[in-house]
Structure formats: C-alpha cells, structure tokens
C-alpha cells in the first residue's frame, strides 16, 4: 500500500464531498416525506427524471478530468489552460440546450411513468424548476472535474459542501416554514447549485488562470481538436452514465406498477440509503481516476496498475462497515423518514437483496476509475449498458410481471445486474489494453 498516502489525500475530500451530497439528498427526502407518501413518491420519480438529464453533463466533464490530469502529468501548462477553458464553456452551451429541450418535452418525459393526475402535477412542479437550471448543473460537473484533475480535491469539497449545507437550510425554510411544498425542495437545490457555480468559477480562475478572469474568458474560444478530444472520451462515458438513470426511470415505473405508491416511496427511500454505501467507493474511484491519469500522462504505467490494486483492497473495508446496518438491522434506517409500516417492510427487502450483490462492486468502481483516467470510456460503457438495460430492466419486468415474486423480483434483477457488470468490466480490465497506448 505504498500509494496509500496520496490515495487518501485525494480520496478523503472526495469522500467527504459525497457524504455532504448524500446527506443533502437524505434531508431532501426527509423533508418531502413529511408532506405525505404521494410527495415522497413524486420526489423519488422527479429525482430519477432529473438524474437522466443531469448525467448528460458527462459528455464534457468525463473528458475534462481525464485530459486535464494527463496534461498535468506531462507538465503541459498550455494544454491545461486550453482544455480547461474549452471544457467549461462547452458544458455551458450544451447545458443551455438541455434546459430548453427538457422544458419543451417535460410532459412527455414525466408520462413515461403514467402517473395519476395528482402525482403528475407534483412531479412537474418539482422537475420544471430543476430543468430551468440545467446549464448550472452541467457547468458545475465540468468545473469540479477540471479542478480535481489538477489534483485539487479540497477546493470542490469546501464549495459544494457549503452549497449542500445551504440546500438543507433552504429545504427547512421553504418546505417547513414557508410551506412551498415540493417546489421548495427544487428551489433549494437550484439556488445552492448556482451559488456553488459562482464560487467554482472563481476557484478555477485563481487555481489555473493566475487569478485573471480575462485569461479564463480567452480560453473559452473553442478549438476543434480540443472539442473532438473531449467528445471522444465523453460520448462513451455519457452513454454509460445515461444508461443508469434512464433504466432507473424505467425501474421506478416497474416498481410503481408492481407496488403502487408504497413501492415507489420505499424504492426512493431505499435508494437514498443505499447511496451511503457508495460514498467511500466514489471517493476512491475519483482518486484512482486522477492518479491513473497523471501517472500514465507521465509515463508511469506500472505505478498506475499498483494504485488500482490498492484501491480494491481499500474497497473491502467499505463493504464490511455497512454489513450490519444494511443487511442485519435495516429497519432502523427508515425511522428518520417516518415511513409507514408497509413502506418499511418493502424497503427492508430492497436493502437486503441489493446489499448481497454489492460484494463485487468495489472492483467495478476501481476498474471504472482506471478506465476514466486513461480516457478509455468505451469498455465500462459497454458493461454498464448491457447490465443495466438488458439484465436489470429485462429481468425486473419479467420477474415482476410473469412470476409471483412481485417487487422482490425487481430487487433480484438489480442485484443480478451488479454482478454481470462486474464480470464484464473485470474481463475488459484483465485484457490490459487500457494501458498499452501509454507504454
């Protein structure tokens, strides 16, 4: 574990950032759940819909972290400036396009769930506000990755951590005090994200452009070769990332049909809880991406491989930590949500089925980080696409519709998809092709 110090130096801020992000999501769900089961279901569905749109930000941000980290490793200062500026400006333009498109198609998107009229209205109230500020989310995603690609993981932690705390405070004010309902949760999100965007622009200016805004603005001039590089990496990462929330939307629809609002509420709360398991893995994977990118950029391929192995060892600690709360005593976790007994029963089954499959997910995250760092995003995309679209959705629909398993069939399908993704990405990684272009 000779790279433990640098992995933890980069990874701990990423982990803490994930903690605050998940905490914010949890508080969102807790505040909204107090309004009733319909509101909890609408929030879960709305978050699922917004997640599909938001992950399109990976189209630029995935390439940004890979290319900036590689330019840092090769000590190409001009490349860092050009790739950073082009990535930020391009994310703004694409995000603005998605703001317009998603608002135009909002009714058609929500109707994927075929919700009841009351539920339809609640979902629309929530996502319409989020969609207006798509461009802010897109910029934040790229700004975060650019800064982290330089090795600075503390800056984004401070900024987005503070934004998440502001979000929680605004949740309380808008929902509990001003009685804005589900709209209050959306307003809290967009206000906090806008504040984060302003401070991240300042951070990138000070950290990369010597504190000169004019240098940042000049770097916004799009260059065809840079745009191609960003999209070459980002297109596959985007497809991979989009596959998850899209299948998540479909899965939410399957859950809604199989378990009505009780099932949807349990699924939404369960997803919020299970996200805590991925906090450490997300931080480790992010650190692996940065370090592998910098190492291969500098020509140190053998060190890059060692770093991935060390990340896998650390991921086992995470699995052991969550064994007791998620698998043995999951009902305790539902207390803060004031969930009904029926929702708790469904949610307990969800957590236990899913956790059993998570024994292999640490490998998946570390391999994914390595592929991201080298800019080879096609193999993990293929694994994610097949496991999520074919395995998860296919088996969930079949088991929930044509067997007596009902919702348990959906949970089994999710677990099976996790295992299939691991098998595929492990096979790709063992081929060792992702490092060959750097040897």
Protein backbone atom coordinates (compact mmCIF):
# COMPACT_ATOMS: atom_id res chain seq x y z
CA UNK A 1 0.00 0.00 0.00
CA UNK A 2 2.83 2.41 -0.82
CA UNK A 3 0.39 4.81 -2.54
CA UNK A 4 -1.99 4.88 0.43
CA UNK A 5 -0.97 8.40 1.46
CA UNK A 6 -1.65 10.02 -1.91
CA UNK A 7 -4.83 7.97 -2.44
CA UNK A 8 -6.22 9.11 0.90
CA UNK A 9 -5.03 12.69 0.34
CA UNK A 10 -7.08 12.90 -2.83
CA UNK A 11 -9.82 10.48 -1.81
CA UNK A 12 -10.81 11.83 1.62
CA UNK A 13 -12.06 15.20 0.28
CA UNK A 14 -13.98 13.30 -2.42
CA UNK A 15 -15.49 11.03 0.24
CA UNK A 16 -16.47 13.98 2.43
CA UNK A 17 -17.99 15.68 -0.59
CA UNK A 18 -20.06 12.58 -1.27
CA UNK A 19 -21.13 12.48 2.39
CA UNK A 20 -22.46 16.01 2.19
CA UNK A 21 -24.14 15.32 -1.16
CA UNK A 22 -25.87 12.20 0.13
CA UNK A 23 -26.77 13.98 3.35
CA UNK A 24 -28.42 16.70 1.30
CA UNK A 25 -30.37 14.11 -0.70
CA UNK A 26 -31.41 12.41 2.53
CA UNK A 27 -32.60 15.67 4.08
CA UNK A 28 -34.49 16.46 0.87
CA UNK A 29 -36.28 13.14 1.10
CA UNK A 30 -36.92 13.54 4.84
CA UNK A 31 -38.49 16.98 4.47
CA UNK A 32 -40.59 15.96 1.48
CA UNK A 33 -41.63 12.64 3.09
CA UNK A 34 -43.22 14.59 5.95
CA UNK A 35 -45.68 16.00 3.42
CA UNK A 36 -47.06 12.52 2.67
CA UNK A 37 -46.49 9.33 0.67
CA UNK A 38 -47.54 10.97 -2.61
CA UNK A 39 -44.94 13.68 -2.14
CA UNK A 40 -42.24 11.12 -1.33
CA UNK A 41 -43.14 9.17 -4.48
CA UNK A 42 -43.17 12.37 -6.58
CA UNK A 43 -39.79 13.39 -5.22
CA UNK A 44 -38.32 9.94 -5.98
CA UNK A 45 -39.72 9.98 -9.52
CA UNK A 46 -38.73 13.60 -10.13
CA UNK A 47 -35.19 12.97 -8.91
CA UNK A 48 -34.99 9.97 -11.21
CA UNK A 49 -36.14 12.08 -14.19
CA UNK A 50 -33.77 14.95 -13.42
CA UNK A 51 -30.94 12.46 -12.98
CA UNK A 52 -31.33 11.33 -16.59
CA UNK A 53 -30.90 14.88 -17.86
CA UNK A 54 -28.12 15.83 -15.45
CA UNK A 55 -25.83 12.93 -16.41
CA UNK A 56 -25.56 14.29 -19.95
CA UNK A 57 -23.06 16.68 -18.36
CA UNK A 58 -20.64 13.72 -18.52
CA UNK A 59 -20.43 14.42 -22.25
CA UNK A 60 -17.83 17.07 -21.38
CA UNK A 61 -16.85 16.54 -17.75
CA UNK A 62 -15.60 12.96 -18.25
CA UNK A 63 -13.14 14.08 -20.90
CA UNK A 64 -12.17 17.12 -18.82
CA UNK A 65 -10.87 15.17 -15.83
CA UNK A 66 -9.01 12.62 -17.98
CA UNK A 67 -7.34 15.14 -20.27
CA UNK A 68 -6.54 17.77 -17.63
CA UNK A 69 -5.00 15.14 -15.33
CA UNK A 70 -2.93 13.77 -18.22
CA UNK A 71 -1.76 17.28 -19.16
CA UNK A 72 -0.77 17.83 -15.53
CA UNK A 73 1.18 14.55 -15.57
CA UNK A 74 3.02 15.54 -18.75
CA UNK A 75 3.59 19.10 -17.42
CA UNK A 76 1.82 20.70 -20.40
CA UNK A 77 0.70 24.00 -18.85
CA UNK A 78 -0.75 25.45 -22.06
CA UNK A 79 -2.73 22.26 -22.59
CA UNK A 80 -4.20 22.57 -19.08
CA UNK A 81 -5.35 26.14 -19.83
CA UNK A 82 -6.88 25.33 -23.21
CA UNK A 83 -8.61 22.10 -22.26
CA UNK A 84 -9.99 23.61 -19.05
CA UNK A 85 -11.48 26.68 -20.72
CA UNK A 86 -12.93 24.80 -23.68
CA UNK A 87 -14.50 22.22 -21.38
CA UNK A 88 -16.17 24.80 -19.14
CA UNK A 89 -17.58 26.89 -22.00
CA UNK A 90 -18.77 23.85 -23.96
CA UNK A 91 -20.56 22.49 -20.87
CA UNK A 92 -22.39 25.82 -20.55
CA UNK A 93 -23.57 25.72 -24.17
CA UNK A 94 -24.71 22.10 -24.04
CA UNK A 95 -26.37 22.63 -20.66
CA UNK A 96 -28.31 25.58 -22.04
CA UNK A 97 -29.56 23.43 -24.92
CA UNK A 98 -30.73 20.77 -22.47
CA UNK A 99 -32.55 23.41 -20.40
CA UNK A 100 -34.64 24.34 -23.44
CA UNK A 101 -35.20 20.80 -24.72
CA UNK A 102 -36.18 19.31 -21.35
CA UNK A 103 -38.70 22.08 -20.66
CA UNK A 104 -40.32 21.60 -24.08
CA UNK A 105 -40.67 17.83 -23.57
CA UNK A 106 -41.40 17.88 -19.86
CA UNK A 107 -44.91 16.35 -20.10
CA UNK A 108 -43.78 13.55 -22.39
CA UNK A 109 -40.84 12.74 -20.11
CA UNK A 110 -42.99 12.54 -16.98
CA UNK A 111 -45.63 10.44 -18.76
CA UNK A 112 -43.10 7.62 -19.00
CA UNK A 113 -44.34 6.74 -15.52
CA UNK A 114 -48.00 7.12 -16.48
CA UNK A 115 -48.70 8.67 -13.06
CA UNK A 116 -52.05 9.62 -11.61
CA UNK A 117 -53.08 13.27 -12.28
CA UNK A 118 -52.25 14.40 -8.73
CA UNK A 119 -48.84 12.73 -8.86
CA UNK A 120 -48.23 14.14 -12.34
CA UNK A 121 -48.77 17.67 -11.04
CA UNK A 122 -46.38 17.19 -8.12
CA UNK A 123 -43.63 15.75 -10.33
CA UNK A 124 -43.99 18.60 -12.82
CA UNK A 125 -43.80 21.22 -10.07
CA UNK A 126 -40.52 19.67 -8.96
CA UNK A 127 -38.64 18.97 -12.20
CA UNK A 128 -39.70 22.11 -14.10
CA UNK A 129 -37.68 24.25 -11.69
CA UNK A 130 -34.69 21.90 -11.91
CA UNK A 131 -34.78 21.88 -15.72
CA UNK A 132 -34.51 25.67 -15.97
CA UNK A 133 -31.08 25.48 -14.32
CA UNK A 134 -29.68 22.53 -16.26
CA UNK A 135 -26.83 24.69 -17.56
CA UNK A 136 -25.69 25.38 -13.99
CA UNK A 137 -25.54 21.66 -13.19
CA UNK A 138 -23.61 21.00 -16.40
CA UNK A 139 -21.07 23.71 -15.61
CA UNK A 140 -20.66 22.51 -12.03
CA UNK A 141 -19.94 18.98 -13.19
CA UNK A 142 -17.18 20.16 -15.52
CA UNK A 143 -15.77 22.77 -13.14
CA UNK A 144 -15.47 20.14 -10.43
CA UNK A 145 -13.71 17.67 -12.72
CA UNK A 146 -11.30 20.25 -14.13
CA UNK A 147 -10.19 21.36 -10.67
CA UNK A 148 -9.96 17.79 -9.40
CA UNK A 149 -7.95 16.81 -12.49
CA UNK A 150 -5.23 19.19 -11.32
CA UNK A 151 -5.06 17.30 -8.02
CA UNK A 152 -7.09 19.82 -6.02
CA UNK A 153 -9.90 17.89 -4.36
CA UNK A 154 -10.21 20.14 -1.32
CA UNK A 155 -11.48 23.20 -3.18
CA UNK A 156 -14.57 21.50 -4.63
CA UNK A 157 -15.19 19.90 -1.21
CA UNK A 158 -15.36 23.29 0.51
CA UNK A 159 -17.52 24.88 -2.16
CA UNK A 160 -20.00 22.09 -2.83
CA UNK A 161 -20.03 21.10 0.83
CA UNK A 162 -21.09 24.62 1.78
CA UNK A 163 -23.66 24.59 -1.05
CA UNK A 164 -25.15 21.36 0.26
CA UNK A 165 -25.47 22.79 3.75
CA UNK A 166 -27.18 25.85 2.24
CA UNK A 167 -29.52 23.48 0.39
CA UNK A 168 -30.51 21.75 3.64
CA UNK A 169 -31.14 25.10 5.35
CA UNK A 170 -33.25 26.30 2.42
CA UNK A 171 -35.17 23.00 2.46
CA UNK A 172 -36.20 23.73 6.02
CA UNK A 173 -37.14 27.34 5.25
CA UNK A 174 -39.02 26.72 2.00
CA UNK A 175 -40.79 23.48 2.98
CA UNK A 176 -41.34 23.70 6.73
CA UNK A 177 -41.64 27.45 7.27
CA UNK A 178 -42.90 28.96 4.00
CA UNK A 179 -44.99 25.91 3.03
CA UNK A 180 -43.78 25.85 -0.58
CA UNK A 181 -44.22 22.08 -0.69
CA UNK A 182 -42.26 20.10 -3.24
CA UNK A 183 -41.40 23.30 -5.13
CA UNK A 184 -39.41 24.36 -2.07
CA UNK A 185 -37.09 21.37 -2.42
CA UNK A 186 -36.41 22.24 -6.06
CA UNK A 187 -35.81 25.92 -5.29
CA UNK A 188 -33.37 25.00 -2.53
CA UNK A 189 -31.43 22.84 -4.99
CA UNK A 190 -31.12 25.37 -7.81
CA UNK A 191 -30.21 28.28 -5.52
CA UNK A 192 -27.45 26.32 -3.78
CA UNK A 193 -26.12 24.99 -7.09
CA UNK A 194 -25.98 28.49 -8.57
CA UNK A 195 -24.00 29.74 -5.58
CA UNK A 196 -21.60 26.80 -5.98
CA UNK A 197 -21.14 27.59 -9.69
CA UNK A 198 -20.14 31.19 -8.97
CA UNK A 199 -17.54 30.15 -6.43
CA UNK A 200 -16.22 27.31 -8.61
CA UNK A 201 -15.63 29.79 -11.44
CA UNK A 202 -13.65 31.88 -9.01
CA UNK A 203 -11.73 28.80 -7.86
CA UNK A 204 -10.73 27.74 -11.36
CA UNK A 205 -9.68 31.31 -12.18
CA UNK A 206 -7.40 31.51 -9.14
CA UNK A 207 -6.12 27.94 -9.38
CA UNK A 208 -5.44 27.68 -13.13
CA UNK A 209 -5.60 31.17 -14.65
CA UNK A 210 -3.43 33.08 -12.15
CA UNK A 211 -6.46 34.90 -10.77
CA UNK A 212 -7.11 36.65 -14.10
CA UNK A 213 -10.67 36.41 -15.39
CA UNK A 214 -9.58 37.65 -18.81
CA UNK A 215 -7.38 34.57 -19.28
CA UNK A 216 -10.31 32.30 -18.42
CA UNK A 217 -12.58 34.10 -20.90
CA UNK A 218 -9.94 33.95 -23.64
CA UNK A 219 -9.66 30.18 -23.13
CA UNK A 220 -13.38 29.87 -23.96
CA UNK A 221 -12.52 30.14 -27.65
CA UNK A 222 -13.44 26.68 -28.90
CA UNK A 223 -10.76 24.70 -30.72
CA UNK A 224 -11.85 21.84 -32.95
CA UNK A 225 -9.12 19.41 -31.86
CA UNK A 226 -9.89 20.01 -28.17
CA UNK A 227 -13.64 19.63 -28.69
CA UNK A 228 -13.02 16.35 -30.53
CA UNK A 229 -10.81 15.06 -27.71
CA UNK A 230 -13.41 15.97 -25.08
CA UNK A 231 -16.26 14.37 -27.02
CA UNK A 232 -14.23 11.29 -27.96
CA UNK A 233 -13.91 10.43 -24.27
CA UNK A 234 -17.18 11.94 -23.12
CA UNK A 235 -19.54 10.25 -25.58
CA UNK A 236 -18.98 6.76 -24.15
CA UNK A 237 -18.89 7.99 -20.55
CA UNK A 238 -22.13 9.85 -21.23
CA UNK A 239 -23.85 6.77 -22.66
CA UNK A 240 -22.67 4.77 -19.65
CA UNK A 241 -23.90 7.40 -17.21
CA UNK A 242 -27.18 7.98 -19.01
CA UNK A 243 -27.94 4.26 -19.07
CA UNK A 244 -28.17 4.17 -15.28
CA UNK A 245 -30.74 6.93 -14.66
CA UNK A 246 -32.75 6.01 -17.75
CA UNK A 247 -33.00 2.45 -16.53
CA UNK A 248 -33.64 3.96 -13.11
CA UNK A 249 -36.66 5.77 -14.53
CA UNK A 250 -37.87 2.57 -16.15
CA UNK A 251 -37.26 0.67 -12.92
CA UNK A 252 -39.24 3.28 -11.00
CA UNK A 253 -42.08 2.72 -13.45
CA UNK A 254 -41.89 -1.05 -12.95
CA UNK A 255 -41.84 -0.57 -9.17
CA UNK A 256 -44.82 1.81 -9.36
CA UNK A 257 -46.87 -0.71 -11.33
CA UNK A 258 -45.88 -3.62 -9.10
CA UNK A 259 -46.12 -1.83 -5.75
CA UNK A 260 -48.02 1.44 -6.37
CA UNK A 261 -47.10 4.48 -4.28
CA UNK A 262 -45.93 2.35 -1.33
CA UNK A 263 -43.40 0.58 -3.52
CA UNK A 264 -42.24 3.85 -5.11
CA UNK A 265 -41.80 5.52 -1.72
CA UNK A 266 -39.85 2.51 -0.38
CA UNK A 267 -37.71 2.41 -3.51
CA UNK A 268 -36.96 6.15 -3.26
CA UNK A 269 -36.01 5.96 0.42
CA UNK A 270 -34.02 2.78 -0.20
CA UNK A 271 -32.06 4.45 -3.00
CA UNK A 272 -31.31 7.37 -0.70
CA UNK A 273 -29.98 4.99 1.96
CA UNK A 274 -28.00 2.73 -0.37
CA UNK A 275 -26.18 5.80 -1.70
CA UNK A 276 -24.29 5.95 1.60
CA UNK A 277 -22.61 2.67 0.68
CA UNK A 278 -21.16 4.28 -2.44
CA UNK A 279 -19.67 7.30 -0.66
CA UNK A 280 -16.25 5.76 0.00
CA UNK A 281 -16.23 3.94 -3.34
CA UNK A 282 -16.97 7.16 -5.20
CA UNK A 283 -14.12 8.93 -3.42
CA UNK A 284 -11.70 6.07 -4.07
CA UNK A 285 -12.73 5.80 -7.71
CA UNK A 286 -12.28 9.55 -8.17
CA UNK A 287 -8.81 9.39 -6.63
CA UNK A 288 -7.94 6.45 -8.91
CA UNK A 289 -9.09 8.42 -11.96
CA UNK A 290 -6.92 11.42 -11.07
CA UNK A 291 -3.83 9.39 -10.14
CA UNK A 292 -4.04 6.98 -13.06
CA UNK A 293 -4.47 9.91 -15.45
CA UNK A 294 -1.46 11.71 -14.01
CA UNK A 295 0.69 8.56 -13.89
CA UNK A 296 0.00 7.46 -17.45
CA UNK A 297 0.41 11.06 -18.64
CA UNK A 298 3.90 11.00 -17.12
CA UNK A 299 4.65 7.50 -18.44
CA UNK A 300 4.45 5.63 -15.11
CA UNK A 301 2.18 2.76 -16.17
CA UNK A 302 3.32 0.20 -13.58
CA UNK A 303 2.52 2.64 -10.77
CA UNK A 304 -0.92 3.22 -12.24
CA UNK A 305 -1.62 -0.53 -12.04
CA UNK A 306 -0.44 -0.68 -8.43
CA UNK A 307 -2.73 2.18 -7.48
CA UNK A 308 -5.77 0.32 -8.85
CA UNK A 309 -4.89 -2.79 -6.79
CA UNK A 310 -4.57 -0.70 -3.65
CA UNK A 311 -7.94 0.90 -4.29
CA UNK A 312 -9.55 -2.55 -4.49
CA UNK A 313 -8.07 -3.51 -1.11
CA UNK A 314 -9.47 -0.36 0.47
CA UNK A 315 -12.92 -1.01 -1.01
CA UNK A 316 -13.30 -4.15 1.11
CA UNK A 317 -13.25 -2.03 4.27
CA UNK A 318 -16.32 -0.23 2.98
CA UNK A 319 -18.24 -3.48 2.42
CA UNK A 320 -17.58 -4.69 5.96
CA UNK A 321 -18.61 -1.36 7.54
CA UNK A 322 -22.10 -1.40 6.01
CA UNK A 323 -22.83 -5.09 6.63
CA UNK A 324 -24.60 -4.55 9.98
CA UNK A 325 -26.87 -1.55 9.20
CA UNK A 326 -27.89 -2.60 5.67
CA UNK A 327 -28.18 -6.35 5.97
CA UNK A 328 -28.83 -7.16 9.63
CA UNK A 329 -30.81 -4.21 11.04
CA UNK A 330 -32.14 -2.26 8.01
CA UNK A 331 -35.45 -1.32 9.65
CA UNK A 332 -33.67 1.16 11.92
CA UNK A 333 -32.61 3.21 8.92
CA UNK A 334 -36.22 4.00 7.99
CA UNK A 335 -37.06 5.71 11.30
CA UNK A 336 -35.98 9.26 10.28
CA UNK A 337 -38.27 9.11 7.23
CA UNK A 338 -41.39 8.43 9.32
CA UNK A 339 -42.29 5.76 6.79
CA UNK A 340 -45.42 3.65 7.18
CA UNK A 341 -45.00 0.01 8.28
CA UNK A 342 -45.82 -1.18 4.74
CA UNK A 343 -43.08 1.01 3.27
CA UNK A 344 -40.58 -0.25 5.87
CA UNK A 345 -41.28 -3.89 5.01
CA UNK A 346 -40.76 -3.26 1.30
CA UNK A 347 -37.66 -1.13 1.93
CA UNK A 348 -36.05 -3.77 4.18
CA UNK A 349 -36.37 -6.37 1.46
CA UNK A 350 -34.84 -3.98 -1.06
CA UNK A 351 -31.78 -3.23 1.08
CA UNK A 352 -31.08 -6.89 1.87
CA UNK A 353 -31.38 -8.13 -1.71
CA UNK A 354 -29.22 -5.33 -3.07
CA UNK A 355 -26.53 -5.50 -0.41
CA UNK A 356 -25.90 -9.17 -1.11
CA UNK A 357 -24.77 -8.25 -4.63
CA UNK A 358 -22.56 -5.35 -3.58
CA UNK A 359 -19.73 -7.67 -2.56
CA UNK A 360 -18.23 -7.23 -6.06
CA UNK A 361 -18.99 -3.57 -6.67
CA UNK A 362 -15.69 -2.32 -5.21
CA UNK A 363 -13.83 -3.96 -8.10
CA UNK A 364 -16.21 -2.36 -10.58
CA UNK A 365 -15.63 1.13 -9.19
CA UNK A 366 -11.83 0.85 -9.17
CA UNK A 367 -11.70 -0.55 -12.70
CA UNK A 368 -14.05 2.20 -13.85
CA UNK A 369 -11.76 4.80 -12.29
CA UNK A 370 -8.76 3.36 -14.16
CA UNK A 371 -10.58 3.43 -17.50
CA UNK A 372 -11.69 7.02 -16.85
CA UNK A 373 -8.15 8.11 -16.01
CA UNK A 374 -6.78 6.76 -19.28
CA UNK A 375 -9.67 8.26 -21.24
CA UNK A 376 -10.84 4.85 -22.47
CA UNK A 377 -14.51 5.01 -21.59
CA UNK A 378 -15.88 2.54 -24.14
CA UNK A 379 -15.35 -0.75 -22.18
CA UNK A 380 -17.08 0.42 -18.95
CA UNK A 381 -19.87 1.90 -21.08
CA UNK A 382 -20.47 -1.45 -22.76
CA UNK A 383 -20.55 -3.26 -19.41
CA UNK A 384 -22.92 -0.70 -17.89
CA UNK A 385 -25.21 -0.62 -20.90
CA UNK A 386 -25.63 -4.39 -21.11
CA UNK A 387 -26.04 -4.94 -17.38
CA UNK A 388 -28.46 -2.07 -16.85
CA UNK A 389 -30.59 -2.19 -19.99
CA UNK A 390 -30.65 -5.89 -20.83
CA UNK A 391 -30.20 -7.58 -17.45
CA UNK A 392 -31.71 -5.14 -14.95
CA UNK A 393 -34.72 -3.91 -16.91
CA UNK A 394 -35.37 -7.18 -18.72
CA UNK A 395 -35.30 -9.38 -15.66
CA UNK A 396 -37.11 -6.83 -13.47
CA UNK A 397 -40.02 -6.60 -15.88
CA UNK A 398 -40.15 -10.36 -16.41
CA UNK A 399 -39.91 -11.34 -12.74
CA UNK A 400 -42.35 -8.63 -11.57
CA UNK A 401 -44.89 -9.32 -14.33
CA UNK A 402 -44.78 -13.06 -15.00
CA UNK A 403 -43.88 -14.51 -11.60
CA UNK A 404 -45.26 -14.26 -8.08
CA UNK A 405 -42.10 -12.55 -6.83
CA UNK A 406 -43.51 -9.05 -7.38
CA UNK A 407 -41.20 -6.36 -6.01
CA UNK A 408 -38.71 -8.96 -4.79
CA UNK A 409 -38.25 -9.90 -8.43
CA UNK A 410 -37.23 -6.30 -9.14
CA UNK A 411 -34.69 -6.36 -6.32
CA UNK A 412 -33.25 -9.66 -7.58
CA UNK A 413 -32.86 -8.19 -11.07
CA UNK A 414 -30.96 -5.18 -9.72
CA UNK A 415 -28.56 -7.42 -7.81
CA UNK A 416 -28.02 -9.62 -10.85
CA UNK A 417 -27.16 -6.59 -12.99
CA UNK A 418 -24.49 -5.51 -10.48
CA UNK A 419 -22.81 -8.93 -10.73
CA UNK A 420 -22.97 -9.04 -14.54
CA UNK A 421 -21.41 -5.56 -14.80
CA UNK A 422 -18.53 -6.67 -12.58
CA UNK A 423 -17.89 -9.80 -14.65
CA UNK A 424 -17.78 -7.80 -17.88
CA UNK A 425 -15.59 -4.92 -16.69
CA UNK A 426 -13.25 -7.34 -14.92
CA UNK A 427 -12.80 -9.17 -18.21
CA UNK A 428 -12.03 -5.92 -20.04
CA UNK A 429 -9.53 -4.85 -17.39
CA UNK A 430 -7.70 -8.19 -17.44
CA UNK A 431 -7.00 -7.71 -21.16
CA UNK A 432 -4.71 -4.83 -20.10
CA UNK A 433 -5.44 -2.84 -23.28
CA UNK A 434 -6.19 0.41 -21.47
CA UNK A 435 -2.50 0.94 -20.62
CA UNK A 436 -0.90 -0.18 -23.88
CA UNK A 437 -1.16 3.17 -25.66
CA UNK A 438 0.89 4.71 -22.84
CA UNK A 439 3.72 2.11 -22.80
